[in-house]
PDB file of all heavy atoms in Angstrom:
ATOM      1  N   LEU A   1      46.941  31.800  -0.086  1.00  0.00           N
ATOM      2  CA  LEU A   1      46.086  32.276  -1.173  1.00  0.00           C
ATOM      3  C   LEU A   1      45.296  31.155  -1.842  1.00  0.00           C
ATOM      4  O   LEU A   1      44.483  31.419  -2.719  1.00  0.00           O
ATOM      5  CB  LEU A   1      46.919  33.030  -2.213  1.00  0.00           C
ATOM      6  CG  LEU A   1      47.408  34.392  -1.740  1.00  0.00           C
ATOM      7  CD1 LEU A   1      48.416  34.974  -2.716  1.00  0.00           C
ATOM      8  CD2 LEU A   1      46.229  35.332  -1.538  1.00  0.00           C
ATOM      9  N   ALA A   2      45.528  29.927  -1.419  1.00  0.00           N
ATOM     10  CA  ALA A   2      44.801  28.794  -1.996  1.00  0.00           C
ATOM     11  C   ALA A   2      43.475  28.606  -1.260  1.00  0.00           C
ATOM     12  O   ALA A   2      43.186  27.562  -0.699  1.00  0.00           O
ATOM     13  CB  ALA A   2      45.654  27.530  -1.920  1.00  0.00           C
ATOM     14  N   THR A   3      42.678  29.647  -1.264  1.00  0.00           N
ATOM     15  CA  THR A   3      41.369  29.596  -0.621  1.00  0.00           C
ATOM     16  C   THR A   3      40.337  30.255  -1.529  1.00  0.00           C
ATOM     17  O   THR A   3      40.676  31.136  -2.329  1.00  0.00           O
ATOM     18  CB  THR A   3      41.418  30.251   0.783  1.00  0.00           C
ATOM     19  OG1 THR A   3      40.205  30.004   1.461  1.00  0.00           O
ATOM     20  CG2 THR A   3      41.676  31.726   0.709  1.00  0.00           C
ATOM     21  N   ILE A   4      39.119  29.826  -1.416  1.00  0.00           N
ATOM     22  CA  ILE A   4      38.041  30.291  -2.288  1.00  0.00           C
ATOM     23  C   ILE A   4      37.914  31.810  -2.237  1.00  0.00           C
ATOM     24  O   ILE A   4      37.860  32.404  -1.169  1.00  0.00           O
ATOM     25  CB  ILE A   4      36.711  29.622  -1.888  1.00  0.00           C
ATOM     26  CG1 ILE A   4      36.795  28.132  -2.168  1.00  0.00           C
ATOM     27  CG2 ILE A   4      35.537  30.250  -2.630  1.00  0.00           C
ATOM     28  CD1 ILE A   4      35.636  27.339  -1.621  1.00  0.00           C
ATOM     29  N   GLY A   5      37.875  32.414  -3.398  1.00  0.00           N
ATOM     30  CA  GLY A   5      37.617  33.841  -3.525  1.00  0.00           C
ATOM     31  C   GLY A   5      38.842  34.719  -3.633  1.00  0.00           C
ATOM     32  O   GLY A   5      38.736  35.857  -4.085  1.00  0.00           O
ATOM     33  N   THR A   6      40.018  34.213  -3.246  1.00  0.00           N
ATOM     34  CA  THR A   6      41.187  35.084  -3.300  1.00  0.00           C
ATOM     35  C   THR A   6      41.593  35.395  -4.736  1.00  0.00           C
ATOM     36  O   THR A   6      42.105  36.481  -5.017  1.00  0.00           O
ATOM     37  CB  THR A   6      42.387  34.496  -2.524  1.00  0.00           C
ATOM     38  OG1 THR A   6      42.713  33.216  -3.058  1.00  0.00           O
ATOM     39  CG2 THR A   6      42.070  34.378  -1.035  1.00  0.00           C
ATOM     40  N   GLY A   7      41.337  34.482  -5.661  1.00  0.00           N
ATOM     41  CA  GLY A   7      41.604  34.765  -7.076  1.00  0.00           C
ATOM     42  C   GLY A   7      40.678  35.852  -7.610  1.00  0.00           C
ATOM     43  O   GLY A   7      41.074  36.661  -8.446  1.00  0.00           O
ATOM     44  N   ASP A   8      39.454  35.891  -7.099  1.00  0.00           N
ATOM     45  CA  ASP A   8      38.521  36.945  -7.496  1.00  0.00           C
ATOM     46  C   ASP A   8      39.005  38.297  -6.984  1.00  0.00           C
ATOM     47  O   ASP A   8      38.853  39.314  -7.666  1.00  0.00           O
ATOM     48  CB  ASP A   8      37.122  36.644  -6.964  1.00  0.00           C
ATOM     49  CG  ASP A   8      36.570  35.342  -7.517  1.00  0.00           C
ATOM     50  OD1 ASP A   8      36.706  35.107  -8.730  1.00  0.00           O
ATOM     51  OD2 ASP A   8      36.010  34.553  -6.731  1.00  0.00           O
ATOM     52  N   VAL A   9      39.590  38.295  -5.781  1.00  0.00           N
ATOM     53  CA  VAL A   9      40.164  39.537  -5.245  1.00  0.00           C
ATOM     54  C   VAL A   9      41.299  40.001  -6.156  1.00  0.00           C
ATOM     55  O   VAL A   9      41.390  41.182  -6.512  1.00  0.00           O
ATOM     56  CB  VAL A   9      40.645  39.347  -3.798  1.00  0.00           C
ATOM     57  CG1 VAL A   9      41.412  40.566  -3.305  1.00  0.00           C
ATOM     58  CG2 VAL A   9      39.468  39.041  -2.867  1.00  0.00           C
ATOM     59  N   LEU A  10      42.161  39.072  -6.580  1.00  0.00           N
ATOM     60  CA  LEU A  10      43.255  39.419  -7.486  1.00  0.00           C
ATOM     61  C   LEU A  10      42.715  40.005  -8.789  1.00  0.00           C
ATOM     62  O   LEU A  10      43.197  41.037  -9.268  1.00  0.00           O
ATOM     63  CB  LEU A  10      44.115  38.193  -7.791  1.00  0.00           C
ATOM     64  CG  LEU A  10      45.196  38.369  -8.857  1.00  0.00           C
ATOM     65  CD1 LEU A  10      46.196  39.455  -8.463  1.00  0.00           C
ATOM     66  CD2 LEU A  10      45.896  37.053  -9.122  1.00  0.00           C
ATOM     67  N   THR A  11      41.705  39.382  -9.354  1.00  0.00           N
ATOM     68  CA  THR A  11      41.124  39.875 -10.597  1.00  0.00           C
ATOM     69  C   THR A  11      40.568  41.287 -10.410  1.00  0.00           C
ATOM     70  O   THR A  11      40.744  42.157 -11.272  1.00  0.00           O
ATOM     71  CB  THR A  11      40.033  38.908 -11.098  1.00  0.00           C
ATOM     72  OG1 THR A  11      40.647  37.638 -11.349  1.00  0.00           O
ATOM     73  CG2 THR A  11      39.377  39.403 -12.365  1.00  0.00           C
ATOM     74  N   GLY A  12      39.911  41.522  -9.287  1.00  0.00           N
ATOM     75  CA  GLY A  12      39.398  42.859  -8.995  1.00  0.00           C
ATOM     76  C   GLY A  12      40.502  43.883  -8.874  1.00  0.00           C
ATOM     77  O   GLY A  12      40.366  45.028  -9.339  1.00  0.00           O
ATOM     78  N   MET A  13      41.605  43.480  -8.249  1.00  0.00           N
ATOM     79  CA  MET A  13      42.748  44.392  -8.123  1.00  0.00           C
ATOM     80  C   MET A  13      43.325  44.731  -9.493  1.00  0.00           C
ATOM     81  O   MET A  13      43.650  45.886  -9.764  1.00  0.00           O
ATOM     82  CB  MET A  13      43.828  43.766  -7.236  1.00  0.00           C
ATOM     83  CG  MET A  13      43.439  43.643  -5.776  1.00  0.00           C
ATOM     84  SD  MET A  13      44.695  42.768  -4.821  1.00  0.00           S
ATOM     85  CE  MET A  13      46.042  43.976  -4.847  1.00  0.00           C
ATOM     86  N   ILE A  14      43.453  43.717 -10.346  1.00  0.00           N
ATOM     87  CA  ILE A  14      43.974  43.967 -11.693  1.00  0.00           C
ATOM     88  C   ILE A  14      43.048  44.943 -12.414  1.00  0.00           C
ATOM     89  O   ILE A  14      43.510  45.935 -13.003  1.00  0.00           O
ATOM     90  CB  ILE A  14      44.107  42.652 -12.491  1.00  0.00           C
ATOM     91  CG1 ILE A  14      45.178  41.754 -11.875  1.00  0.00           C
ATOM     92  CG2 ILE A  14      44.427  42.940 -13.966  1.00  0.00           C
ATOM     93  CD1 ILE A  14      45.181  40.322 -12.413  1.00  0.00           C
ATOM     94  N   GLY A  15      41.753  44.684 -12.358  1.00  0.00           N
ATOM     95  CA  GLY A  15      40.789  45.562 -13.022  1.00  0.00           C
ATOM     96  C   GLY A  15      40.834  46.981 -12.487  1.00  0.00           C
ATOM     97  O   GLY A  15      40.763  47.952 -13.255  1.00  0.00           O
ATOM     98  N   ALA A  16      40.977  47.131 -11.172  1.00  0.00           N
ATOM     99  CA  ALA A  16      41.021  48.469 -10.571  1.00  0.00           C
ATOM    100  C   ALA A  16      42.269  49.228 -11.019  1.00  0.00           C
ATOM    101  O   ALA A  16      42.186  50.414 -11.370  1.00  0.00           O
ATOM    102  CB  ALA A  16      40.976  48.363  -9.056  1.00  0.00           C
ATOM    103  N   LEU A  17      43.420  48.569 -11.017  1.00  0.00           N
ATOM    104  CA  LEU A  17      44.658  49.240 -11.439  1.00  0.00           C
ATOM    105  C   LEU A  17      44.628  49.568 -12.926  1.00  0.00           C
ATOM    106  O   LEU A  17      45.096  50.626 -13.353  1.00  0.00           O
ATOM    107  CB  LEU A  17      45.873  48.370 -11.096  1.00  0.00           C
ATOM    108  CG  LEU A  17      46.145  48.206  -9.601  1.00  0.00           C
ATOM    109  CD1 LEU A  17      47.252  47.178  -9.378  1.00  0.00           C
ATOM    110  CD2 LEU A  17      46.496  49.536  -8.964  1.00  0.00           C
ATOM    111  N   TRP A  18      44.081  48.673 -13.693  1.00  0.00           N
ATOM    112  CA  TRP A  18      43.952  48.883 -15.134  1.00  0.00           C
ATOM    113  C   TRP A  18      43.030  50.061 -15.399  1.00  0.00           C
ATOM    114  O   TRP A  18      43.333  50.943 -16.207  1.00  0.00           O
ATOM    115  CB  TRP A  18      43.411  47.602 -15.736  1.00  0.00           C
ATOM    116  CG  TRP A  18      43.485  47.408 -17.208  1.00  0.00           C
ATOM    117  CD1 TRP A  18      44.026  48.237 -18.143  1.00  0.00           C
ATOM    118  CD2 TRP A  18      43.002  46.273 -17.905  1.00  0.00           C
ATOM    119  NE1 TRP A  18      43.892  47.678 -19.389  1.00  0.00           N
ATOM    120  CE2 TRP A  18      43.271  46.470 -19.279  1.00  0.00           C
ATOM    121  CE3 TRP A  18      42.368  45.101 -17.522  1.00  0.00           C
ATOM    122  CZ2 TRP A  18      42.919  45.544 -20.251  1.00  0.00           C
ATOM    123  CZ3 TRP A  18      42.026  44.180 -18.492  1.00  0.00           C
ATOM    124  CH2 TRP A  18      42.304  44.408 -19.839  1.00  0.00           C
ATOM    125  N   ALA A  19      41.902  50.114 -14.684  1.00  0.00           N
ATOM    126  CA  ALA A  19      40.948  51.210 -14.860  1.00  0.00           C
ATOM    127  C   ALA A  19      41.534  52.559 -14.443  1.00  0.00           C
ATOM    128  O   ALA A  19      41.137  53.598 -14.957  1.00  0.00           O
ATOM    129  CB  ALA A  19      39.676  50.926 -14.061  1.00  0.00           C
ATOM    130  N   ARG A  20      42.502  52.536 -13.532  1.00  0.00           N
ATOM    131  CA  ARG A  20      43.145  53.776 -13.088  1.00  0.00           C
ATOM    132  C   ARG A  20      44.238  54.226 -14.045  1.00  0.00           C
ATOM    133  O   ARG A  20      44.896  55.233 -13.810  1.00  0.00           O
ATOM    134  CB  ARG A  20      43.693  53.610 -11.688  1.00  0.00           C
ATOM    135  CG  ARG A  20      42.561  53.509 -10.668  1.00  0.00           C
ATOM    136  CD  ARG A  20      42.979  53.704  -9.264  1.00  0.00           C
ATOM    137  NE  ARG A  20      43.808  54.863  -9.020  1.00  0.00           N
ATOM    138  CZ  ARG A  20      43.373  56.051  -8.597  1.00  0.00           C
ATOM    139  NH1 ARG A  20      42.095  56.228  -8.405  1.00  0.00           N
ATOM    140  NH2 ARG A  20      44.212  57.020  -8.356  1.00  0.00           N
ATOM    141  N   GLY A  21      44.462  53.459 -15.118  1.00  0.00           N
ATOM    142  CA  GLY A  21      45.370  53.910 -16.155  1.00  0.00           C
ATOM    143  C   GLY A  21      46.668  53.148 -16.293  1.00  0.00           C
ATOM    144  O   GLY A  21      47.466  53.451 -17.182  1.00  0.00           O
ATOM    145  N   LEU A  22      46.903  52.148 -15.443  1.00  0.00           N
ATOM    146  CA  LEU A  22      48.127  51.364 -15.628  1.00  0.00           C
ATOM    147  C   LEU A  22      47.995  50.501 -16.880  1.00  0.00           C
ATOM    148  O   LEU A  22      46.910  50.009 -17.202  1.00  0.00           O
ATOM    149  CB  LEU A  22      48.385  50.461 -14.419  1.00  0.00           C
ATOM    150  CG  LEU A  22      48.847  51.138 -13.138  1.00  0.00           C
ATOM    151  CD1 LEU A  22      49.119  50.097 -12.059  1.00  0.00           C
ATOM    152  CD2 LEU A  22      50.101  51.969 -13.370  1.00  0.00           C
ATOM    153  N   GLU A  23      49.089  50.323 -17.574  1.00  0.00           N
ATOM    154  CA  GLU A  23      49.132  49.430 -18.734  1.00  0.00           C
ATOM    155  C   GLU A  23      48.781  48.026 -18.244  1.00  0.00           C
ATOM    156  O   GLU A  23      49.047  47.660 -17.112  1.00  0.00           O
ATOM    157  CB  GLU A  23      50.541  49.522 -19.339  1.00  0.00           C
ATOM    158  CG  GLU A  23      50.693  48.854 -20.665  1.00  0.00           C
ATOM    159  CD  GLU A  23      51.092  47.393 -20.560  1.00  0.00           C
ATOM    160  OE1 GLU A  23      51.713  46.988 -19.551  1.00  0.00           O
ATOM    161  OE2 GLU A  23      50.757  46.645 -21.478  1.00  0.00           O
ATOM    162  N   THR A  24      48.186  47.234 -19.107  1.00  0.00           N
ATOM    163  CA  THR A  24      47.648  45.923 -18.751  1.00  0.00           C
ATOM    164  C   THR A  24      48.642  45.058 -17.986  1.00  0.00           C
ATOM    165  O   THR A  24      48.334  44.552 -16.910  1.00  0.00           O
ATOM    166  CB  THR A  24      47.192  45.178 -20.024  1.00  0.00           C
ATOM    167  OG1 THR A  24      46.325  46.024 -20.760  1.00  0.00           O
ATOM    168  CG2 THR A  24      46.497  43.888 -19.680  1.00  0.00           C
ATOM    169  N   GLU A  25      49.827  44.861 -18.543  1.00  0.00           N
ATOM    170  CA  GLU A  25      50.817  44.001 -17.879  1.00  0.00           C
ATOM    171  C   GLU A  25      51.286  44.580 -16.559  1.00  0.00           C
ATOM    172  O   GLU A  25      51.520  43.841 -15.603  1.00  0.00           O
ATOM    173  CB  GLU A  25      52.032  43.785 -18.787  1.00  0.00           C
ATOM    174  CG  GLU A  25      51.852  42.680 -19.768  1.00  0.00           C
ATOM    175  CD  GLU A  25      53.129  42.432 -20.546  1.00  0.00           C
ATOM    176  OE1 GLU A  25      54.194  42.219 -19.937  1.00  0.00           O
ATOM    177  OE2 GLU A  25      53.044  42.461 -21.784  1.00  0.00           O
ATOM    178  N   VAL A  26      51.444  45.875 -16.502  1.00  0.00           N
ATOM    179  CA  VAL A  26      51.881  46.522 -15.258  1.00  0.00           C
ATOM    180  C   VAL A  26      50.803  46.345 -14.191  1.00  0.00           C
ATOM    181  O   VAL A  26      51.111  46.042 -13.037  1.00  0.00           O
ATOM    182  CB  VAL A  26      52.206  48.017 -15.488  1.00  0.00           C
ATOM    183  CG1 VAL A  26      52.540  48.706 -14.180  1.00  0.00           C
ATOM    184  CG2 VAL A  26      53.346  48.158 -16.490  1.00  0.00           C
ATOM    185  N   ALA A  27      49.548  46.514 -14.571  1.00  0.00           N
ATOM    186  CA  ALA A  27      48.444  46.308 -13.625  1.00  0.00           C
ATOM    187  C   ALA A  27      48.445  44.871 -13.117  1.00  0.00           C
ATOM    188  O   ALA A  27      48.276  44.630 -11.913  1.00  0.00           O
ATOM    189  CB  ALA A  27      47.115  46.642 -14.288  1.00  0.00           C
ATOM    190  N   ALA A  28      48.659  43.913 -14.008  1.00  0.00           N
ATOM    191  CA  ALA A  28      48.634  42.500 -13.622  1.00  0.00           C
ATOM    192  C   ALA A  28      49.764  42.155 -12.664  1.00  0.00           C
ATOM    193  O   ALA A  28      49.552  41.527 -11.632  1.00  0.00           O
ATOM    194  CB  ALA A  28      48.694  41.616 -14.867  1.00  0.00           C
ATOM    195  N   ARG A  29      50.968  42.579 -12.992  1.00  0.00           N
ATOM    196  CA  ARG A  29      52.082  42.208 -12.108  1.00  0.00           C
ATOM    197  C   ARG A  29      52.064  42.995 -10.803  1.00  0.00           C
ATOM    198  O   ARG A  29      52.432  42.467  -9.756  1.00  0.00           O
ATOM    199  CB  ARG A  29      53.414  42.293 -12.822  1.00  0.00           C
ATOM    200  CG  ARG A  29      53.890  43.638 -13.216  1.00  0.00           C
ATOM    201  CD  ARG A  29      55.264  43.524 -13.901  1.00  0.00           C
ATOM    202  NE  ARG A  29      55.745  44.803 -14.304  1.00  0.00           N
ATOM    203  CZ  ARG A  29      55.884  45.193 -15.570  1.00  0.00           C
ATOM    204  NH1 ARG A  29      55.580  44.384 -16.550  1.00  0.00           N
ATOM    205  NH2 ARG A  29      56.346  46.389 -15.835  1.00  0.00           N
ATOM    206  N   SER A  30      51.611  44.247 -10.838  1.00  0.00           N
ATOM    207  CA  SER A  30      51.499  45.026  -9.602  1.00  0.00           C
ATOM    208  C   SER A  30      50.455  44.413  -8.681  1.00  0.00           C
ATOM    209  O   SER A  30      50.683  44.249  -7.481  1.00  0.00           O
ATOM    210  CB  SER A  30      51.127  46.480  -9.908  1.00  0.00           C
ATOM    211  OG  SER A  30      52.140  47.098 -10.659  1.00  0.00           O
ATOM    212  N   ALA A  31      49.302  44.081  -9.250  1.00  0.00           N
ATOM    213  CA  ALA A  31      48.242  43.473  -8.449  1.00  0.00           C
ATOM    214  C   ALA A  31      48.707  42.138  -7.868  1.00  0.00           C
ATOM    215  O   ALA A  31      48.464  41.853  -6.686  1.00  0.00           O
ATOM    216  CB  ALA A  31      46.987  43.281  -9.291  1.00  0.00           C
ATOM    217  N   ALA A  32      49.376  41.325  -8.662  1.00  0.00           N
ATOM    218  CA  ALA A  32      49.844  40.028  -8.171  1.00  0.00           C
ATOM    219  C   ALA A  32      50.818  40.214  -6.999  1.00  0.00           C
ATOM    220  O   ALA A  32      50.742  39.499  -5.996  1.00  0.00           O
ATOM    221  CB  ALA A  32      50.499  39.231  -9.295  1.00  0.00           C
ATOM    222  N   HIS A  33      51.709  41.180  -7.119  1.00  0.00           N
ATOM    223  CA  HIS A  33      52.670  41.438  -6.046  1.00  0.00           C
ATOM    224  C   HIS A  33      51.961  41.888  -4.765  1.00  0.00           C
ATOM    225  O   HIS A  33      52.186  41.327  -3.691  1.00  0.00           O
ATOM    226  CB  HIS A  33      53.681  42.494  -6.479  1.00  0.00           C
ATOM    227  CG  HIS A  33      54.546  42.969  -5.357  1.00  0.00           C
ATOM    228  ND1 HIS A  33      55.585  42.209  -4.863  1.00  0.00           N
ATOM    229  CD2 HIS A  33      54.506  44.097  -4.613  1.00  0.00           C
ATOM    230  CE1 HIS A  33      56.147  42.866  -3.859  1.00  0.00           C
ATOM    231  NE2 HIS A  33      55.505  44.013  -3.686  1.00  0.00           N
ATOM    232  N   TRP A  34      51.110  42.900  -4.855  1.00  0.00           N
ATOM    233  CA  TRP A  34      50.454  43.438  -3.659  1.00  0.00           C
ATOM    234  C   TRP A  34      49.421  42.483  -3.086  1.00  0.00           C
ATOM    235  O   TRP A  34      49.214  42.439  -1.873  1.00  0.00           O
ATOM    236  CB  TRP A  34      49.869  44.823  -3.949  1.00  0.00           C
ATOM    237  CG  TRP A  34      50.979  45.806  -4.107  1.00  0.00           C
ATOM    238  CD1 TRP A  34      51.399  46.395  -5.260  1.00  0.00           C
ATOM    239  CD2 TRP A  34      51.869  46.262  -3.085  1.00  0.00           C
ATOM    240  NE1 TRP A  34      52.492  47.193  -5.017  1.00  0.00           N
ATOM    241  CE2 TRP A  34      52.794  47.126  -3.687  1.00  0.00           C
ATOM    242  CE3 TRP A  34      51.981  46.015  -1.715  1.00  0.00           C
ATOM    243  CZ2 TRP A  34      53.819  47.760  -2.979  1.00  0.00           C
ATOM    244  CZ3 TRP A  34      52.993  46.640  -1.001  1.00  0.00           C
ATOM    245  CH2 TRP A  34      53.894  47.494  -1.631  1.00  0.00           C
ATOM    246  N   HIS A  35      48.809  41.688  -3.913  1.00  0.00           N
ATOM    247  CA  HIS A  35      47.891  40.631  -3.474  1.00  0.00           C
ATOM    248  C   HIS A  35      48.648  39.655  -2.577  1.00  0.00           C
ATOM    249  O   HIS A  35      48.190  39.314  -1.486  1.00  0.00           O
ATOM    250  CB  HIS A  35      47.345  39.949  -4.736  1.00  0.00           C
ATOM    251  CG  HIS A  35      46.373  38.857  -4.533  1.00  0.00           C
ATOM    252  ND1 HIS A  35      46.700  37.544  -4.720  1.00  0.00           N
ATOM    253  CD2 HIS A  35      45.051  38.888  -4.215  1.00  0.00           C
ATOM    254  CE1 HIS A  35      45.630  36.801  -4.533  1.00  0.00           C
ATOM    255  NE2 HIS A  35      44.611  37.589  -4.219  1.00  0.00           N
ATOM    256  N   GLY A  36      49.814  39.247  -3.033  1.00  0.00           N
ATOM    257  CA  GLY A  36      50.638  38.334  -2.238  1.00  0.00           C
ATOM    258  C   GLY A  36      51.149  38.967  -0.965  1.00  0.00           C
ATOM    259  O   GLY A  36      51.160  38.331   0.098  1.00  0.00           O
ATOM    260  N   ARG A  37      51.568  40.220  -1.048  1.00  0.00           N
ATOM    261  CA  ARG A  37      52.050  40.927   0.152  1.00  0.00           C
ATOM    262  C   ARG A  37      50.943  41.060   1.192  1.00  0.00           C
ATOM    263  O   ARG A  37      51.167  40.869   2.386  1.00  0.00           O
ATOM    264  CB  ARG A  37      52.584  42.315  -0.213  1.00  0.00           C
ATOM    265  CG  ARG A  37      53.860  42.341  -1.025  1.00  0.00           C
ATOM    266  CD  ARG A  37      55.120  42.129  -0.190  1.00  0.00           C
ATOM    267  NE  ARG A  37      55.215  43.000   0.968  1.00  0.00           N
ATOM    268  CZ  ARG A  37      55.798  44.196   1.015  1.00  0.00           C
ATOM    269  NH1 ARG A  37      56.358  44.684  -0.071  1.00  0.00           N
ATOM    270  NH2 ARG A  37      55.838  44.884   2.132  1.00  0.00           N
ATOM    271  N   ALA A  38      49.755  41.422   0.739  1.00  0.00           N
ATOM    272  CA  ALA A  38      48.633  41.579   1.663  1.00  0.00           C
ATOM    273  C   ALA A  38      48.278  40.239   2.312  1.00  0.00           C
ATOM    274  O   ALA A  38      48.010  40.181   3.519  1.00  0.00           O
ATOM    275  CB  ALA A  38      47.418  42.157   0.933  1.00  0.00           C
ATOM    276  N   ALA A  39      48.298  39.172   1.543  1.00  0.00           N
ATOM    277  CA  ALA A  39      47.988  37.846   2.095  1.00  0.00           C
ATOM    278  C   ALA A  39      49.037  37.415   3.111  1.00  0.00           C
ATOM    279  O   ALA A  39      48.708  36.877   4.167  1.00  0.00           O
ATOM    280  CB  ALA A  39      47.884  36.823   0.970  1.00  0.00           C
ATOM    281  N   ALA A  40      50.306  37.659   2.788  1.00  0.00           N
ATOM    282  CA  ALA A  40      51.374  37.288   3.721  1.00  0.00           C
ATOM    283  C   ALA A  40      51.246  38.070   5.025  1.00  0.00           C
ATOM    284  O   ALA A  40      51.426  37.514   6.114  1.00  0.00           O
ATOM    285  CB  ALA A  40      52.739  37.533   3.074  1.00  0.00           C
ATOM    286  N   ALA A  41      50.931  39.348   4.943  1.00  0.00           N
ATOM    287  CA  ALA A  41      50.754  40.160   6.147  1.00  0.00           C
ATOM    288  C   ALA A  41      49.549  39.673   6.938  1.00  0.00           C
ATOM    289  O   ALA A  41      49.590  39.586   8.171  1.00  0.00           O
ATOM    290  CB  ALA A  41      50.587  41.638   5.776  1.00  0.00           C
ATOM    291  N   ARG A  42      48.483  39.340   6.231  1.00  0.00           N
ATOM    292  CA  ARG A  42      47.252  38.898   6.895  1.00  0.00           C
ATOM    293  C   ARG A  42      47.465  37.582   7.624  1.00  0.00           C
ATOM    294  O   ARG A  42      46.962  37.388   8.724  1.00  0.00           O
ATOM    295  CB  ARG A  42      46.140  38.760   5.850  1.00  0.00           C
ATOM    296  CG  ARG A  42      44.795  38.481   6.414  1.00  0.00           C
ATOM    297  CD  ARG A  42      44.316  39.719   7.089  1.00  0.00           C
ATOM    298  NE  ARG A  42      43.021  39.500   7.691  1.00  0.00           N
ATOM    299  CZ  ARG A  42      42.370  40.451   8.298  1.00  0.00           C
ATOM    300  NH1 ARG A  42      42.863  41.666   8.362  1.00  0.00           N
ATOM    301  NH2 ARG A  42      41.220  40.207   8.851  1.00  0.00           N
ATOM    302  N   THR A  43      48.206  36.673   7.013  1.00  0.00           N
ATOM    303  CA  THR A  43      48.363  35.344   7.589  1.00  0.00           C
ATOM    304  C   THR A  43      49.174  35.367   8.891  1.00  0.00           C
ATOM    305  O   THR A  43      49.078  34.459   9.689  1.00  0.00           O
ATOM    306  CB  THR A  43      48.960  34.356   6.575  1.00  0.00           C
ATOM    307  OG1 THR A  43      48.697  33.029   7.004  1.00  0.00           O
ATOM    308  CG2 THR A  43      50.454  34.525   6.402  1.00  0.00           C
TER     309      THR A  43
END
């Protein structure tokens, strides 16, 4: 995940989950978890 743009993907995920109604902290930790899972699977 230490590559250009992946943090922007994380921010977008947080915003998308938040916009869908998740509470702010829940959106942040959910996005962080799935962001990492997706990166690990991709690698």
